[in-house]
Protein backbone atom coordinates (compact mmCIF):
# COMPACT_ATOMS: atom_id res chain seq x y z
CA MET A 1 194.54 -81.24 201.10
CA LYS A 2 194.62 -77.61 200.00
CA ASP A 3 198.06 -77.01 201.49
CA SER A 4 199.55 -80.05 199.77
CA TYR A 5 199.21 -79.02 196.11
CA ASN A 6 199.87 -76.21 193.68
CA ILE A 7 198.78 -75.95 190.07
CA GLY A 8 201.56 -75.71 187.51
CA VAL A 9 200.81 -74.16 184.11
CA ASP A 10 202.97 -74.11 180.99
CA VAL A 11 202.10 -71.48 178.37
CA GLY A 12 203.60 -72.44 175.02
CA GLY A 13 203.29 -71.05 171.53
CA SER A 14 200.85 -73.73 170.39
CA HIS A 15 199.40 -75.11 173.62
CA ILE A 16 198.71 -74.50 177.29
CA SER A 17 199.03 -77.38 179.74
CA CYS A 18 198.60 -77.74 183.49
CA ALA A 19 198.46 -80.25 186.34
CA TYR A 20 198.28 -80.54 190.10
CA VAL A 21 201.76 -80.85 191.61
CA HIS A 22 202.52 -82.13 195.11
CA LYS A 23 204.40 -79.36 196.93
CA SER A 24 206.64 -81.66 198.95
CA THR A 25 207.69 -84.10 196.21
CA GLY A 26 207.35 -82.14 192.97
CA LYS A 27 205.40 -85.03 191.49
CA ILE A 28 202.52 -84.44 189.10
CA VAL A 29 199.32 -85.90 190.51
CA GLU A 30 198.41 -88.90 188.40
CA GLY A 31 195.50 -88.25 186.06
CA SER A 32 195.54 -84.47 186.55
CA PHE A 33 197.44 -83.44 183.41
CA ALA A 34 195.33 -81.29 181.07
CA GLU A 35 196.24 -79.64 177.76
CA ARG A 36 194.59 -77.35 175.20
CA LYS A 37 195.77 -76.20 171.80
CA ILE A 38 195.78 -72.44 171.37
CA ASP A 39 196.22 -69.89 168.61
CA SER A 40 199.03 -67.64 169.81
CA ASN A 41 197.82 -65.02 167.31
CA GLY A 42 194.31 -65.01 168.77
CA ASN A 43 192.74 -62.20 170.80
CA ILE A 44 192.52 -61.94 174.58
CA GLN A 45 188.98 -63.34 174.65
CA GLU A 46 190.12 -66.46 172.82
CA PHE A 47 193.06 -66.83 175.22
CA MET A 48 190.76 -66.57 178.22
CA GLN A 49 188.34 -69.07 176.73
CA SER A 50 191.22 -71.54 176.25
CA LEU A 51 192.12 -71.05 179.91
CA ARG A 52 188.52 -71.64 181.01
CA LEU A 53 188.37 -74.89 179.07
CA LEU A 54 191.79 -75.95 180.40
CA PHE A 55 190.93 -75.33 184.05
CA GLY A 56 187.51 -76.83 183.56
CA GLN A 57 189.24 -80.00 182.42
CA LEU A 58 191.60 -79.89 185.41
CA PHE A 59 188.86 -79.18 187.94
CA SER A 60 186.84 -82.10 186.62
CA VAL A 61 189.34 -84.44 188.29
CA ALA A 62 189.68 -82.53 191.58
CA SER A 63 187.97 -79.78 193.53
CA PRO A 64 188.93 -76.15 192.71
CA ASP A 65 189.62 -75.75 196.45
CA SER A 66 192.29 -78.45 196.53
CA PHE A 67 195.28 -76.19 195.81
CA SER A 68 197.01 -73.23 197.42
CA GLY A 69 198.61 -71.43 194.46
CA VAL A 70 199.10 -71.28 190.70
CA GLY A 71 202.59 -71.14 189.17
CA ILE A 72 202.87 -70.27 185.49
CA ALA A 73 205.79 -70.90 183.13
CA MET A 74 205.72 -68.02 180.64
CA PRO A 75 208.04 -67.05 177.78
CA GLY A 76 209.58 -63.58 177.80
CA PRO A 77 209.85 -60.72 177.56
CA PHE A 78 207.55 -60.54 180.55
CA ASP A 79 207.18 -58.55 183.76
CA TYR A 80 207.23 -61.66 185.95
CA GLU A 81 206.79 -59.84 189.26
CA ASN A 82 203.61 -58.06 188.21
CA GLY A 83 202.34 -60.62 185.71
CA ILE A 84 202.25 -58.28 182.72
CA SER A 85 203.16 -59.50 179.23
CA LYS A 86 205.75 -57.52 177.25
CA ILE A 87 205.73 -59.85 174.27
CA ARG A 88 205.35 -58.15 170.89
CA GLY A 89 206.98 -58.12 167.49
CA VAL A 90 207.55 -61.90 167.50
CA GLN A 91 204.29 -63.02 165.84
CA LYS A 92 202.82 -64.60 168.96
CA PHE A 93 200.78 -63.38 171.93
CA GLU A 94 200.57 -59.85 170.50
CA ALA A 95 197.09 -59.50 171.99
CA LEU A 96 198.48 -60.09 175.50
CA TYR A 97 200.85 -57.11 175.40
CA ASP A 98 200.55 -54.95 178.54
CA ILE A 99 197.72 -57.17 179.83
CA ASN A 100 197.76 -58.03 183.54
CA LEU A 101 197.70 -61.81 183.20
CA LYS A 102 197.83 -62.30 186.94
CA GLN A 103 194.36 -60.78 187.10
CA VAL A 104 193.26 -62.76 184.03
CA PHE A 105 194.15 -66.06 185.71
CA LYS A 106 192.39 -65.07 188.94
CA GLU A 107 189.27 -64.13 186.98
CA VAL A 108 189.28 -67.36 184.98
CA ILE A 109 189.79 -69.50 188.08
CA GLY A 110 187.22 -67.47 189.99
CA LYS A 111 189.36 -66.93 193.09
CA GLU A 112 190.56 -63.37 193.67
CA ASP A 113 192.53 -64.35 196.76
CA ILE A 114 194.55 -67.11 195.09
CA SER A 115 198.33 -66.66 194.83
CA VAL A 116 199.50 -66.48 191.19
CA CYS A 117 203.20 -66.48 190.28
CA PHE A 118 204.89 -66.17 186.87
CA THR A 119 208.39 -67.49 186.08
CA ASN A 120 210.45 -67.69 182.89
CA ASP A 121 209.63 -70.89 181.02
CA ALA A 122 213.26 -71.99 180.58
CA SER A 123 213.88 -71.51 184.31
CA CYS A 124 210.76 -73.54 185.10
CA TYR A 125 212.00 -76.35 182.87
CA ALA A 126 215.29 -76.46 184.78
CA LEU A 127 213.62 -76.25 188.18
CA GLY A 128 211.25 -79.07 187.26
CA GLU A 129 214.21 -81.30 186.49
CA TYR A 130 215.89 -80.17 189.72
CA TYR A 131 212.92 -80.95 191.96
CA ALA A 132 211.67 -84.16 190.34
CA GLY A 133 213.78 -85.11 187.34
CA ALA A 134 217.32 -85.63 186.06
CA ALA A 135 218.91 -82.90 188.20
CA GLN A 136 217.71 -84.09 191.61
CA ASN A 137 220.42 -83.75 194.29
CA SER A 138 222.55 -81.66 191.94
CA LYS A 139 224.44 -78.79 193.54
CA ARG A 140 225.61 -77.03 190.37
CA THR A 141 223.50 -77.56 187.27
CA ILE A 142 223.31 -76.43 183.67
CA VAL A 143 220.06 -77.20 181.87
CA VAL A 144 219.59 -76.44 178.18
CA THR A 145 216.44 -76.82 176.08
CA LEU A 146 216.97 -77.35 172.37
CA GLY A 147 213.99 -76.98 170.05
CA THR A 148 212.55 -74.11 168.04
CA GLY A 149 214.94 -71.99 170.08
CA PHE A 150 217.81 -72.45 172.54
CA GLY A 151 217.04 -72.02 176.24
CA SER A 152 219.45 -72.30 179.16
CA THR A 153 219.44 -72.06 182.95
CA PHE A 154 222.25 -72.22 185.50
CA LEU A 155 221.38 -73.43 189.01
CA ILE A 156 223.28 -73.51 192.29
CA ASN A 157 221.43 -75.64 194.86
CA GLY A 158 218.24 -75.09 192.91
CA ILE A 159 218.59 -71.30 192.78
CA THR A 160 218.51 -69.73 189.31
CA GLN A 161 221.68 -67.76 188.55
CA SER A 162 221.28 -64.56 186.51
CA ILE A 163 224.23 -62.38 187.48
CA ALA A 164 227.09 -62.67 184.99
CA GLY A 165 230.39 -64.07 186.25
CA ASN A 166 231.95 -67.26 187.60
CA GLY A 167 230.87 -69.20 184.53
CA VAL A 168 227.36 -67.74 184.30
CA PRO A 169 226.43 -65.67 181.22
CA PRO A 170 224.24 -62.55 181.65
CA GLU A 171 220.76 -63.66 182.81
CA GLY A 172 221.96 -67.26 182.39
CA TYR A 173 221.24 -66.98 178.64
CA LEU A 174 223.41 -68.85 176.16
CA TYR A 175 221.23 -68.39 173.07
CA ASN A 176 222.81 -65.04 172.21
CA VAL A 177 226.48 -65.81 172.91
CA PRO A 178 228.67 -65.46 169.83
CA PHE A 179 229.35 -68.80 168.17
CA LYS A 180 231.10 -69.43 164.87
CA GLU A 181 229.51 -67.20 162.24
CA SER A 182 226.59 -65.89 164.31
CA ILE A 183 225.11 -66.80 167.72
CA ALA A 184 224.46 -70.08 169.52
CA ASP A 185 220.69 -70.01 168.83
CA ASP A 186 221.40 -70.47 165.12
CA TYR A 187 223.31 -73.71 165.77
CA PHE A 188 221.26 -75.38 168.51
CA SER A 189 217.70 -75.13 167.26
CA THR A 190 215.44 -76.94 164.81
CA ARG A 191 216.26 -74.58 161.96
CA TRP A 192 219.94 -75.63 162.11
CA PHE A 193 218.94 -79.21 161.31
CA VAL A 194 216.61 -78.06 158.54
CA ASN A 195 219.17 -75.72 156.97
CA THR A 196 222.22 -77.95 157.39
CA CYS A 197 220.48 -81.04 156.02
CA LYS A 198 219.20 -79.11 153.01
CA GLU A 199 222.17 -76.93 152.16
CA ARG A 200 225.02 -79.32 152.89
CA TYR A 201 223.56 -82.82 152.52
CA ASP A 202 220.57 -82.35 150.20
CA LEU A 203 218.21 -83.86 152.78
CA ASP A 204 214.70 -82.45 153.11
CA VAL A 205 213.73 -82.74 156.80
CA SER A 206 211.58 -80.73 159.22
CA GLY A 207 213.99 -81.09 162.15
CA ALA A 208 215.98 -83.41 164.41
CA ARG A 209 213.24 -86.05 164.62
CA GLU A 210 213.24 -86.75 160.88
CA THR A 211 217.04 -86.62 160.82
CA ALA A 212 217.03 -89.24 163.58
CA GLU A 213 214.65 -91.44 161.57
CA LEU A 214 217.18 -91.43 158.74
CA ALA A 215 220.05 -92.08 161.17
CA LYS A 216 218.21 -95.16 162.45
CA LYS A 217 218.58 -96.54 158.94
CA ASN A 218 222.32 -95.81 159.04
CA ASP A 219 221.97 -92.99 156.53
CA SER A 220 225.52 -91.67 156.28
CA LYS A 221 224.40 -88.08 155.68
CA ALA A 222 222.11 -88.02 158.72
CA LEU A 223 224.82 -89.56 160.89
CA ALA A 224 227.23 -86.89 159.67
CA VAL A 225 224.75 -84.18 160.68
CA PHE A 226 224.60 -85.53 164.24
CA GLU A 227 228.39 -85.79 164.37
CA GLU A 228 228.62 -82.12 163.44
CA PHE A 229 225.92 -81.25 165.96
CA ALA A 230 227.79 -83.04 168.78
CA GLU A 231 231.03 -81.31 167.81
CA ASN A 232 229.33 -77.90 167.79
CA LEU A 233 227.61 -78.47 171.13
CA THR A 234 230.89 -79.60 172.70
CA GLU A 235 232.70 -76.54 171.40
CA MET A 236 229.99 -74.15 172.57
CA ILE A 237 229.26 -75.58 176.03
CA PHE A 238 232.79 -76.56 177.11
CA PRO A 239 233.96 -73.07 178.19
CA TRP A 240 230.89 -72.68 180.39
CA ILE A 241 231.30 -76.14 181.92
CA ASP A 242 234.98 -75.41 182.50
CA GLN A 243 234.20 -72.16 184.32
CA PHE A 244 230.93 -73.00 186.12
CA LYS A 245 232.00 -76.53 187.00
CA PRO A 246 228.56 -78.16 187.16
CA ASP A 247 228.08 -81.68 188.45
CA THR A 248 225.06 -82.18 186.16
CA PHE A 249 224.39 -81.13 182.56
CA VAL A 250 220.80 -81.79 181.42
CA ILE A 251 219.62 -81.54 177.82
CA GLY A 252 215.90 -81.15 177.13
CA GLY A 253 213.60 -79.97 174.37
CA SER A 254 212.49 -81.74 171.20
CA ILE A 255 216.03 -82.14 169.86
CA ALA A 256 217.01 -84.08 173.00
CA LYS A 257 214.68 -86.88 171.88
CA ALA A 258 217.28 -87.68 169.20
CA PHE A 259 219.83 -88.33 171.98
CA PRO A 260 220.85 -91.84 170.80
CA PHE A 261 222.69 -90.16 167.93
CA PHE A 262 224.64 -87.50 169.81
CA LEU A 263 224.62 -87.83 173.63
CA GLU A 264 227.33 -90.47 174.08
CA ASN A 265 229.44 -88.75 171.44
CA LEU A 266 229.03 -85.43 173.25
CA ASN A 267 230.04 -86.95 176.57
CA ASN A 268 233.12 -88.59 175.02
CA LYS A 269 234.17 -85.31 173.46
CA LEU A 270 233.81 -83.50 176.78
CA VAL A 271 235.88 -86.17 178.53
CA LYS A 272 238.62 -85.73 175.92
CA LYS A 273 238.65 -82.04 176.81
CA GLY A 274 239.35 -82.95 180.42
CA VAL A 275 235.83 -82.76 181.86
CA LYS A 276 235.52 -85.15 184.81
CA ASN A 277 232.73 -86.20 187.17
CA LEU A 278 230.00 -84.60 185.07
CA LYS A 279 226.61 -86.29 184.71
CA THR A 280 225.53 -85.58 181.14
CA THR A 281 221.99 -86.70 180.49
CA THR A 282 218.65 -85.92 178.89
CA CYS A 283 215.75 -84.61 180.93
CA GLU A 284 213.36 -87.04 182.59
CA LEU A 285 210.13 -85.07 182.82
CA TRP A 286 210.02 -83.71 179.26
CA ASP A 287 206.80 -81.69 178.80
CA GLY A 288 206.06 -82.03 182.51
CA ALA A 289 209.24 -80.20 183.56
CA PRO A 290 207.97 -76.60 183.22
CA ILE A 291 204.69 -77.52 184.93
CA VAL A 292 206.55 -78.94 187.93
CA GLY A 293 209.03 -76.06 187.98
CA ALA A 294 206.29 -73.44 187.84
CA ALA A 295 204.33 -75.10 190.65
CA MET A 296 207.39 -75.45 192.86
CA THR A 297 208.26 -71.73 192.65
CA MET A 298 205.16 -70.89 194.70
């Protein structure tokens, strides 16, 4: 049994989650998902205690010996090879700066000989969808995550692309590419919905979810916001689709849950620009995607 499973862990700004993942299928083992809320401004002792409680919850459903490695989806900046956090100046995980988290995880789990691997969280999200979600069998894939920030990953046969060229931006990052009056991150994140709704339409919302609730009621202002969003996303992503020529374009993150109000429109706009044979879809695994992706990198 040990050789059949890895543990996947997703470290987020407000929670840590994990599960057993079958190495051959990329499927999360039913009933093994565990999650703990965390204070990203807490100290290292609090972080370790959250990990102990999380793994204690996981190990209550299966033996600690029933896995061969631990893959962790972690936001950057981070020394992924050595497992050392370089996050600081962003009001989260300051206490983890320069800490060897690979050793922390081994200590918490109580197994010094266990293999522990860290991977960028956006890459893990994309790999999760590639192995067990919406991007299965895709040869050339673009996956974007739209939420508090804008993440992106380019894959060729499941291999993350980071070298700029042939339709791939530096490191595969789209958040910092110039777009309109600033950068893409300012247009494809929760704050765009908050600011646009307030400043242009006099709507007080906390993000895409509340905008979608209004759109369900055929609110003309909310519908106009999603029309603008679809137009912006088409304009931003089209040059990369045109150059990279993916067969699959997957949209994830919290904003993707409002897909009934922009996805078909986006696809139609891309078709009008001459894009053919592109599968444009939302993710399938949602919060499970980075867990699967992290586990499958082992």
